[in-house]
Amino acid sequence: MADAALRLQGLVEQLVGAPLPVRIRAWDGSQAGPPGAPTLVVRNRRALRRLLFKPGELGLARGWVAGDLDVEGDLYTALDLLAGLIWERGEDARGLVDALRDPEFRAAVRGLVKLAGPPLPPAPPREEIRRPRRHLHTKRTDRRAVSHHYDVGNDFYELFLGPSMVYSCAYWPAPDSTLEQAQHDKLELVARKLDLRPGQRLLDVGCGWGSMAIHAAREHGVYVVGITLSQEQAAYARKRVAEEGRTDKVEIRVQDYRDVTDGPYDAISSIGMAEHVGAARYLEYATDLFRLLAPGGRLLNHQIARRPQRDESAYTVDEFIDSYVFPDGELAPLGTTVTQLERAGFEVRDVESIREHYALTLRRWVANLEAGRARAVALTSPGRARVWRLYMAASALSFERNRIGVNQVLAVKTPESGASGMPLRSRTWN
């Protein structure tokens, strides 16, 4: 067969009802599609079987992670071109049941089945986490989910995060600034919003590799307790604290936020952690943090948000991210987050969207990963390196297209007197 690419192009266009915007190169060496466009490389028929047995995003992800599918040319351009066919068809896309009533659609499916070869469902790549979808966000399942994402090797994260070791949105003074400067500015922005002062106690929830805890102790003289569920992160953070000579001011614990009982704290930072909490547990999360704060204490909640849907009951998690990146992670609209914080007793005083900053951050991480691709593979696996490259590149585009955002919400445990402690002009940190 020397025309697989042309046949595949025609069948896919028949299925989706639109021209395929990328070029295809098939396993037989044949090519088809618009000249000059990025090329989707279909290395073998197994890629088609993955799509047939798991249509949609997860089938594509399995093909990518396994190396059955690849992209030649600019990955961002390819994802941008394919987004309209894969991720953004939305409510206008025909459901599978309705589509199968169409004789042309059925004929295209039969054509793909014939082109794919013997209909055996391929096993998912080993990087995919497999677990029952019940009892989400217990302490045990949260530990397992965090371990899947973070306990893949500190050296791997160093490769793309750089010396700052901050795995959340940076705050860029200019697009051509260094990643390290932008991450320093983000940590300082959080510290200023919390109005950290010498001698205060800060709880850093989801402390990662200790960057915020060390910054707060070094630059603002506060005592910090950092908590994480990742054993590898905790070991790395403790080593950094010792090397900085900050063991008198910084304590790193492997601890669930629900188990912290040694309040009150003067301030709490939660940077890129609340996405792991889950909708069913979010009010509990907010209430626990409210309980741990002293009256007048401040919370800085830095969290990714999705766009609200007309029918929130129809919301489903992203299959690729749930299976390969952040198991059990859930994104909520900004309004939902603010409401839950207020229900817990907080007074929300400031909301700042820094969506464009995350796109810049992710593009810099992807560039670092691509520059060190051989080392990334050696440190983890070819599939794991491919997961992170696709995840971060697709996420960068999602932030740029306003499909998702990221916000810093500053909230106060305002005492009954109403004295919030906030200045009349609150944006003194800008």
Protein backbone atom coordinates (compact mmCIF):
# COMPACT_ATOMS: atom_id res chain seq x y z
CA MET A 1 0.00 0.00 0.00
CA ALA A 2 1.65 3.22 -1.16
CA ASP A 3 -1.20 5.67 -0.69
CA ALA A 4 -2.04 5.31 3.00
CA ALA A 5 -1.64 9.05 3.69
CA LEU A 6 -4.09 10.06 0.96
CA ARG A 7 -6.62 7.46 2.05
CA LEU A 8 -6.24 8.49 5.68
CA GLN A 9 -6.67 12.16 4.85
CA GLY A 10 -9.88 11.47 2.95
CA LEU A 11 -11.34 9.27 5.68
CA VAL A 12 -10.55 11.74 8.47
CA GLU A 13 -12.04 14.64 6.51
CA GLN A 14 -15.13 12.55 5.89
CA LEU A 15 -15.42 11.85 9.64
CA VAL A 16 -14.90 15.41 10.89
CA GLY A 17 -16.65 17.16 8.00
CA ALA A 18 -13.80 19.63 7.47
CA PRO A 19 -10.48 19.82 5.59
CA LEU A 20 -7.51 18.49 7.51
CA PRO A 21 -5.28 21.54 8.17
CA VAL A 22 -2.02 19.59 8.62
CA ARG A 23 -0.02 17.37 6.35
CA ILE A 24 0.06 13.58 6.93
CA ARG A 25 2.95 11.20 6.46
CA ALA A 26 1.94 7.58 6.85
CA TRP A 27 3.86 4.44 7.74
CA ASP A 28 4.34 3.55 4.06
CA GLY A 29 6.19 6.82 3.36
CA SER A 30 3.30 8.42 1.49
CA GLN A 31 2.31 12.02 2.20
CA ALA A 32 -0.85 14.08 1.69
CA GLY A 33 -2.25 17.41 2.78
CA PRO A 34 -1.44 21.11 2.42
CA PRO A 35 2.21 21.75 1.43
CA GLY A 36 4.23 23.69 3.99
CA ALA A 37 1.94 22.82 6.89
CA PRO A 38 3.25 20.93 9.94
CA THR A 39 3.27 17.19 9.34
CA LEU A 40 1.39 14.69 11.48
CA VAL A 41 3.49 11.52 11.31
CA VAL A 42 1.45 8.31 11.63
CA ARG A 43 4.21 5.79 12.27
CA ASN A 44 2.11 2.63 12.19
CA ARG A 45 -1.41 1.25 11.94
CA ARG A 46 -1.54 0.84 15.70
CA ALA A 47 -2.09 4.60 15.91
CA LEU A 48 -5.36 4.17 14.01
CA ARG A 49 -6.43 1.31 16.24
CA ARG A 50 -5.88 3.53 19.29
CA LEU A 51 -8.20 6.12 17.78
CA LEU A 52 -10.82 3.58 16.80
CA PHE A 53 -10.96 1.96 20.23
CA LYS A 54 -10.78 5.27 22.12
CA PRO A 55 -12.03 8.02 19.80
CA GLY A 56 -11.11 11.59 20.67
CA GLU A 57 -8.46 13.15 22.84
CA LEU A 58 -7.42 10.08 24.85
CA GLY A 59 -6.82 7.97 21.76
CA LEU A 60 -4.67 10.72 20.25
CA ALA A 61 -2.81 11.09 23.54
CA ARG A 62 -2.07 7.37 23.72
CA GLY A 63 -0.73 7.45 20.20
CA TRP A 64 1.48 10.45 21.02
CA VAL A 65 2.82 9.05 24.29
CA ALA A 66 3.57 5.66 22.72
CA GLY A 67 5.38 7.30 19.80
CA ASP A 68 2.85 6.02 17.26
CA LEU A 69 2.07 9.64 16.38
CA ASP A 70 4.50 12.53 16.06
CA VAL A 71 4.69 16.04 14.66
CA GLU A 72 7.32 17.39 12.31
CA GLY A 73 7.50 21.15 12.20
CA ASP A 74 6.38 23.59 14.86
CA LEU A 75 4.40 21.77 17.57
CA TYR A 76 2.51 24.91 18.60
CA THR A 77 1.36 25.55 15.03
CA ALA A 78 0.25 21.95 14.64
CA LEU A 79 -1.73 22.01 17.88
CA ASP A 80 -3.24 25.37 16.98
CA LEU A 81 -4.39 24.06 13.60
CA LEU A 82 -5.80 20.87 15.07
CA ALA A 83 -7.51 22.57 18.01
CA GLY A 84 -10.62 23.40 16.02
CA LEU A 85 -11.06 19.75 15.04
CA ILE A 86 -10.19 18.12 18.36
CA TRP A 87 -10.81 20.44 21.31
CA GLU A 88 -13.06 23.25 20.14
CA ARG A 89 -15.93 21.62 18.26
CA GLY A 90 -17.97 21.93 21.45
CA GLU A 91 -21.74 21.69 21.39
CA ASP A 92 -21.88 21.83 17.58
CA ALA A 93 -20.09 18.49 17.21
CA ARG A 94 -22.43 15.60 16.43
CA GLY A 95 -22.66 12.93 19.07
CA LEU A 96 -21.35 9.52 18.10
CA VAL A 97 -24.82 7.95 18.09
CA ASP A 98 -26.21 10.59 15.75
CA ALA A 99 -23.12 10.44 13.56
CA LEU A 100 -23.43 6.69 13.09
CA ARG A 101 -26.84 7.24 11.48
CA ASP A 102 -25.05 8.95 8.60
CA PRO A 103 -24.14 6.41 5.87
CA GLU A 104 -21.05 8.43 4.85
CA PHE A 105 -19.83 8.52 8.45
CA ARG A 106 -20.30 4.75 8.79
CA ALA A 107 -18.47 4.21 5.51
CA ALA A 108 -15.55 6.31 6.76
CA VAL A 109 -15.38 4.28 9.99
CA ARG A 110 -15.37 1.04 7.99
CA GLY A 111 -12.58 2.47 5.85
CA LEU A 112 -10.50 3.30 8.92
CA VAL A 113 -11.07 -0.15 10.37
CA LYS A 114 -9.83 -1.72 7.13
CA LEU A 115 -6.83 0.63 6.99
CA ALA A 116 -5.98 -0.03 10.66
CA GLY A 117 -5.70 -3.77 10.23
CA PRO A 118 -6.70 -6.50 12.75
CA PRO A 119 -9.01 -4.88 15.32
CA LEU A 120 -7.12 -5.58 18.52
CA PRO A 121 -7.20 -2.78 21.11
CA PRO A 122 -3.59 -1.80 21.91
CA ALA A 123 -2.62 -1.64 25.57
CA PRO A 124 -2.28 1.93 26.94
CA PRO A 125 1.28 3.23 27.37
CA ARG A 126 2.74 2.43 30.78
CA GLU A 127 2.84 6.12 31.67
CA GLU A 128 -0.96 6.15 31.91
CA ILE A 129 -2.30 5.87 35.44
CA ARG A 130 -5.12 3.38 35.83
CA ARG A 131 -7.36 3.48 38.89
CA PRO A 132 -11.07 3.33 39.74
CA ARG A 133 -12.99 6.61 39.50
CA ARG A 134 -14.41 6.50 43.00
CA HIS A 135 -13.47 7.77 46.43
CA LEU A 136 -11.72 10.75 44.90
CA HIS A 137 -9.77 13.19 47.05
CA THR A 138 -9.37 11.06 50.12
CA LYS A 139 -6.01 11.48 51.80
CA ARG A 140 -4.82 8.19 50.28
CA THR A 141 -5.93 8.93 46.72
CA ASP A 142 -4.54 12.47 46.88
CA ARG A 143 -1.16 11.10 47.98
CA ARG A 144 -1.20 8.68 45.07
CA ALA A 145 -2.15 11.37 42.55
CA VAL A 146 0.54 13.76 43.80
CA SER A 147 3.14 10.99 43.73
CA HIS A 148 2.23 10.14 40.10
CA HIS A 149 2.85 13.73 39.04
CA TYR A 150 5.73 14.89 41.20
CA ASP A 151 7.71 11.80 42.17
CA VAL A 152 9.21 11.29 38.72
CA GLY A 153 12.65 12.60 39.67
CA ASN A 154 13.83 15.99 40.88
CA ASP A 155 16.53 16.04 38.18
CA PHE A 156 13.79 15.83 35.53
CA TYR A 157 12.03 18.88 36.94
CA GLU A 158 15.30 20.79 37.26
CA LEU A 159 15.83 20.26 33.55
CA PHE A 160 12.95 22.49 32.51
CA LEU A 161 12.14 24.53 35.63
CA GLY A 162 15.68 25.82 35.92
CA PRO A 163 17.43 26.98 39.11
CA SER A 164 14.31 28.60 40.58
CA MET A 165 12.54 25.20 40.86
CA VAL A 166 9.15 26.91 40.83
CA TYR A 167 6.41 24.91 39.12
CA SER A 168 3.75 27.59 38.78
CA CYS A 169 3.12 30.69 36.71
CA ALA A 170 5.95 33.23 36.75
CA TYR A 171 5.39 37.00 36.80
CA TRP A 172 7.17 38.55 33.84
CA PRO A 173 8.51 42.12 33.93
CA ALA A 174 9.03 41.76 30.14
CA PRO A 175 8.67 38.89 27.67
CA ASP A 176 12.44 38.66 27.18
CA SER A 177 13.25 38.52 30.90
CA THR A 178 14.91 35.42 32.30
CA LEU A 179 12.75 32.69 33.77
CA GLU A 180 14.64 33.00 37.05
CA GLN A 181 13.88 36.75 37.30
CA ALA A 182 10.22 36.18 36.48
CA GLN A 183 9.88 33.46 39.12
CA HIS A 184 11.65 35.62 41.71
CA ASP A 185 9.21 38.43 40.90
CA LYS A 186 6.26 36.04 41.36
CA LEU A 187 7.46 34.93 44.78
CA GLU A 188 8.03 38.54 45.80
CA LEU A 189 4.59 39.51 44.50
CA VAL A 190 3.02 36.85 46.74
CA ALA A 191 5.08 38.03 49.71
CA ARG A 192 4.04 41.65 49.22
CA LYS A 193 0.37 40.77 48.83
CA LEU A 194 0.58 38.84 52.10
CA ASP A 195 2.41 41.80 53.69
CA LEU A 196 4.98 39.45 55.22
CA ARG A 197 6.96 40.91 58.13
CA PRO A 198 9.82 39.61 60.31
CA GLY A 199 8.73 37.20 63.00
CA GLN A 200 5.42 36.24 61.40
CA ARG A 201 4.39 32.62 60.70
CA LEU A 202 3.64 31.59 57.12
CA LEU A 203 2.04 28.32 56.06
CA ASP A 204 2.97 27.42 52.47
CA VAL A 205 0.42 24.84 51.27
CA GLY A 206 1.79 22.68 48.48
CA CYS A 207 5.32 24.01 49.02
CA GLY A 208 6.87 22.08 46.14
CA TRP A 209 10.65 22.19 46.19
CA GLY A 210 10.71 24.91 48.86
CA SER A 211 11.20 28.04 46.76
CA MET A 212 8.47 30.18 48.34
CA ALA A 213 9.40 29.05 51.87
CA ILE A 214 13.07 29.92 51.36
CA HIS A 215 12.24 33.26 49.70
CA ALA A 216 9.90 34.28 52.52
CA ALA A 217 12.42 33.37 55.21
CA ARG A 218 15.40 34.93 53.46
CA GLU A 219 13.82 38.13 52.12
CA HIS A 220 11.17 38.82 54.78
CA GLY A 221 12.39 37.14 57.97
CA VAL A 222 9.29 35.02 58.55
CA TYR A 223 9.04 31.53 60.03
CA VAL A 224 7.67 29.12 57.45
CA VAL A 225 6.03 25.72 57.53
CA GLY A 226 5.89 24.21 54.05
CA ILE A 227 3.74 21.15 53.42
CA THR A 228 3.66 18.73 50.48
CA LEU A 229 2.47 15.19 49.83
CA SER A 230 5.52 14.40 47.69
CA GLN A 231 8.37 12.61 49.42
CA GLU A 232 10.80 13.60 46.67
CA GLN A 233 9.85 17.26 46.84
CA ALA A 234 10.21 17.30 50.62
CA ALA A 235 13.68 15.72 50.52
CA TYR A 236 14.83 18.23 47.90
CA ALA A 237 13.32 21.18 49.76
CA ARG A 238 14.92 20.16 53.07
CA LYS A 239 18.31 19.93 51.36
CA ARG A 240 17.90 23.41 49.91
CA VAL A 241 16.83 24.83 53.27
CA ALA A 242 19.91 23.32 54.93
CA GLU A 243 22.23 24.63 52.20
CA GLU A 244 20.71 28.10 52.66
CA GLY A 245 21.26 27.90 56.41
CA ARG A 246 17.55 28.46 57.08
CA THR A 247 16.70 25.43 59.20
CA ASP A 248 15.94 27.76 62.11
CA LYS A 249 13.20 29.44 60.09
CA VAL A 250 11.87 26.85 57.63
CA GLU A 251 10.27 23.48 58.35
CA ILE A 252 9.26 21.19 55.49
CA ARG A 253 6.67 18.51 56.23
CA VAL A 254 5.12 15.67 54.27
CA GLN A 255 1.60 16.46 55.41
CA ASP A 256 -1.94 16.82 54.11
CA TYR A 257 -3.48 20.26 54.56
CA ARG A 258 -6.32 18.55 56.44
CA ASP A 259 -3.87 17.38 59.10
CA VAL A 260 -2.32 20.76 59.96
CA THR A 261 -3.34 21.67 63.52
CA ASP A 262 -0.65 24.05 64.76
CA GLY A 263 -2.25 27.35 63.86
CA PRO A 264 -2.72 30.19 64.05
CA TYR A 265 -0.60 31.44 61.15
CA ASP A 266 -0.29 35.08 60.18
CA ALA A 267 -0.42 34.28 56.46
CA ILE A 268 -1.01 31.35 54.11
CA SER A 269 0.25 30.95 50.56
CA SER A 270 -1.29 28.31 48.30
CA ILE A 271 0.43 28.52 44.91
CA GLY A 272 -0.69 26.05 42.25
CA MET A 273 -2.00 23.56 44.79
CA ALA A 274 -5.77 24.13 44.88
CA GLU A 275 -6.21 22.50 41.45
CA HIS A 276 -5.62 19.18 43.24
CA VAL A 277 -8.35 19.73 45.86
CA GLY A 278 -11.45 18.85 43.84
CA ALA A 279 -14.89 20.45 43.77
CA ALA A 280 -16.33 18.14 46.43
CA ARG A 281 -13.57 19.08 48.89
CA TYR A 282 -13.07 22.74 48.05
CA LEU A 283 -15.22 24.21 50.81
CA GLU A 284 -13.45 21.94 53.30
CA TYR A 285 -10.10 23.19 51.96
CA ALA A 286 -11.13 26.83 52.29
CA THR A 287 -12.60 26.25 55.77
CA ASP A 288 -9.43 24.52 56.97
CA LEU A 289 -7.27 27.41 55.79
CA PHE A 290 -9.64 29.92 57.40
CA ARG A 291 -9.37 28.01 60.68
CA LEU A 292 -5.56 28.06 60.54
CA LEU A 293 -5.31 31.84 60.12
CA ALA A 294 -5.13 34.36 62.92
CA PRO A 295 -7.75 37.15 62.82
CA GLY A 296 -6.59 39.66 60.24
CA GLY A 297 -4.44 37.01 58.55
CA ARG A 298 -4.19 36.86 54.77
CA LEU A 299 -4.51 34.03 52.26
CA LEU A 300 -2.99 34.22 48.78
CA ASN A 301 -4.65 31.55 46.61
CA HIS A 302 -2.92 31.22 43.23
CA GLN A 303 -5.00 28.89 41.03
CA ILE A 304 -5.71 27.93 37.42
CA ALA A 305 -9.32 28.49 36.36
CA ARG A 306 -11.39 27.23 33.46
CA ARG A 307 -14.06 29.13 31.61
CA PRO A 308 -17.59 28.54 32.97
CA GLN A 309 -19.97 26.43 30.92
CA ARG A 310 -23.63 27.09 30.24
CA ASP A 311 -24.40 23.69 31.73
CA GLU A 312 -21.95 23.08 34.56
CA SER A 313 -23.40 19.62 35.17
CA ALA A 314 -22.05 18.57 31.77
CA TYR A 315 -18.45 19.46 32.67
CA THR A 316 -15.95 16.62 32.29
CA VAL A 317 -12.27 16.52 33.12
CA ASP A 318 -9.62 16.57 30.41
CA GLU A 319 -8.94 12.88 29.64
CA PHE A 320 -5.30 13.36 28.65
CA ILE A 321 -4.40 15.42 31.72
CA ASP A 322 -6.37 13.15 34.05
CA SER A 323 -4.73 9.99 32.70
CA TYR A 324 -1.16 11.20 32.24
CA VAL A 325 -0.48 14.45 34.08
CA PHE A 326 -2.67 15.45 37.04
CA PRO A 327 -4.80 12.47 38.10
CA ASP A 328 -8.01 13.62 39.80
CA GLY A 329 -7.22 17.29 39.17
CA GLU A 330 -10.19 19.60 38.68
CA LEU A 331 -10.41 23.15 37.40
CA ALA A 332 -13.19 25.47 38.52
CA PRO A 333 -14.35 28.84 37.21
CA LEU A 334 -12.97 31.83 39.07
CA GLY A 335 -16.42 32.79 40.35
CA THR A 336 -16.85 29.39 41.94
CA THR A 337 -13.53 29.70 43.76
CA VAL A 338 -14.34 33.16 45.09
CA THR A 339 -17.76 31.99 46.25
CA GLN A 340 -16.31 29.03 48.14
CA LEU A 341 -13.70 31.21 49.84
CA GLU A 342 -16.45 33.61 50.92
CA ARG A 343 -18.62 30.74 52.15
CA ALA A 344 -15.71 29.64 54.35
CA GLY A 345 -15.67 33.08 55.97
CA PHE A 346 -13.01 34.93 53.98
CA GLU A 347 -13.34 38.49 52.75
CA VAL A 348 -11.98 38.52 49.20
CA ARG A 349 -10.05 41.76 48.73
CA ASP A 350 -8.25 41.44 45.43
CA VAL A 351 -8.31 39.28 42.29
CA GLU A 352 -5.56 39.55 39.70
CA SER A 353 -5.56 37.63 36.43
CA ILE A 354 -2.09 36.78 35.13
CA ARG A 355 -3.17 34.52 32.27
CA GLU A 356 -0.67 35.79 29.70
CA HIS A 357 2.15 35.27 32.19
CA TYR A 358 1.46 31.53 32.30
CA ALA A 359 1.67 31.24 28.52
CA LEU A 360 5.11 32.85 28.62
CA THR A 361 6.17 30.57 31.46
CA LEU A 362 5.06 27.39 29.70
CA ARG A 363 6.76 28.31 26.44
CA ARG A 364 10.01 28.81 28.35
CA TRP A 365 9.61 25.43 30.09
CA VAL A 366 8.94 23.72 26.75
CA ALA A 367 12.05 25.32 25.26
CA ASN A 368 14.13 24.04 28.19
CA LEU A 369 12.64 20.54 27.83
CA GLU A 370 13.27 20.44 24.09
CA ALA A 371 16.85 21.61 24.56
CA GLY A 372 17.43 18.80 27.05
CA ARG A 373 15.24 16.16 25.42
CA ALA A 374 17.85 13.39 25.41
CA ARG A 375 18.54 13.89 29.12
CA ALA A 376 14.79 14.04 29.88
CA VAL A 377 14.33 10.65 28.21
CA ALA A 378 17.29 9.21 30.12
CA LEU A 379 15.94 10.52 33.44
CA THR A 380 12.38 9.22 32.96
CA SER A 381 11.22 7.46 29.78
CA PRO A 382 10.53 8.46 26.17
CA GLY A 383 6.80 8.42 26.95
CA ARG A 384 7.11 10.58 30.06
CA ALA A 385 9.16 13.19 28.21
CA ARG A 386 6.54 13.23 25.43
CA VAL A 387 3.73 13.63 27.99
CA TRP A 388 5.27 16.75 29.48
CA ARG A 389 6.13 18.28 26.10
CA LEU A 390 2.59 17.89 24.79
CA TYR A 391 0.98 18.90 28.07
CA MET A 392 2.96 22.11 28.46
CA ALA A 393 2.74 23.14 24.79
CA ALA A 394 -1.03 22.55 24.65
CA SER A 395 -1.47 24.37 27.96
CA ALA A 396 0.47 27.39 26.64
CA LEU A 397 -1.97 27.61 23.73
CA SER A 398 -4.94 27.22 26.08
CA PHE A 399 -3.80 30.21 28.12
CA GLU A 400 -3.13 32.25 24.99
CA ARG A 401 -6.58 31.43 23.58
CA ASN A 402 -8.32 32.24 26.92
CA ARG A 403 -9.59 28.69 27.26
CA ILE A 404 -8.12 28.67 30.76
CA GLY A 405 -6.72 31.36 33.04
CA VAL A 406 -4.80 31.76 36.27
CA ASN A 407 -5.66 34.10 39.11
CA GLN A 408 -4.24 35.29 42.40
CA VAL A 409 -7.02 35.76 44.93
CA LEU A 410 -6.10 37.70 48.07
CA ALA A 411 -8.48 37.04 50.96
CA VAL A 412 -8.52 38.16 54.59
CA LYS A 413 -9.84 36.57 57.76
CA THR A 414 -11.45 39.82 58.73
CA PRO A 415 -12.23 40.04 62.47
CA GLU A 416 -15.67 40.96 63.78
CA SER A 417 -14.53 44.54 64.24
CA GLY A 418 -14.27 44.82 60.46
CA ALA A 419 -10.65 46.03 60.62
CA SER A 420 -9.18 44.13 57.67
CA GLY A 421 -5.71 45.63 57.97
CA MET A 422 -5.73 46.40 54.25
CA PRO A 423 -4.49 49.81 53.06
CA LEU A 424 -6.96 52.18 51.45
CA ARG A 425 -5.11 51.75 48.18
CA SER A 426 -4.54 48.04 48.22
CA ARG A 427 -2.42 47.63 45.09
CA THR A 428 0.70 48.78 46.93
CA TRP A 429 2.54 45.69 45.69
CA ASN A 430 2.56 46.80 42.03
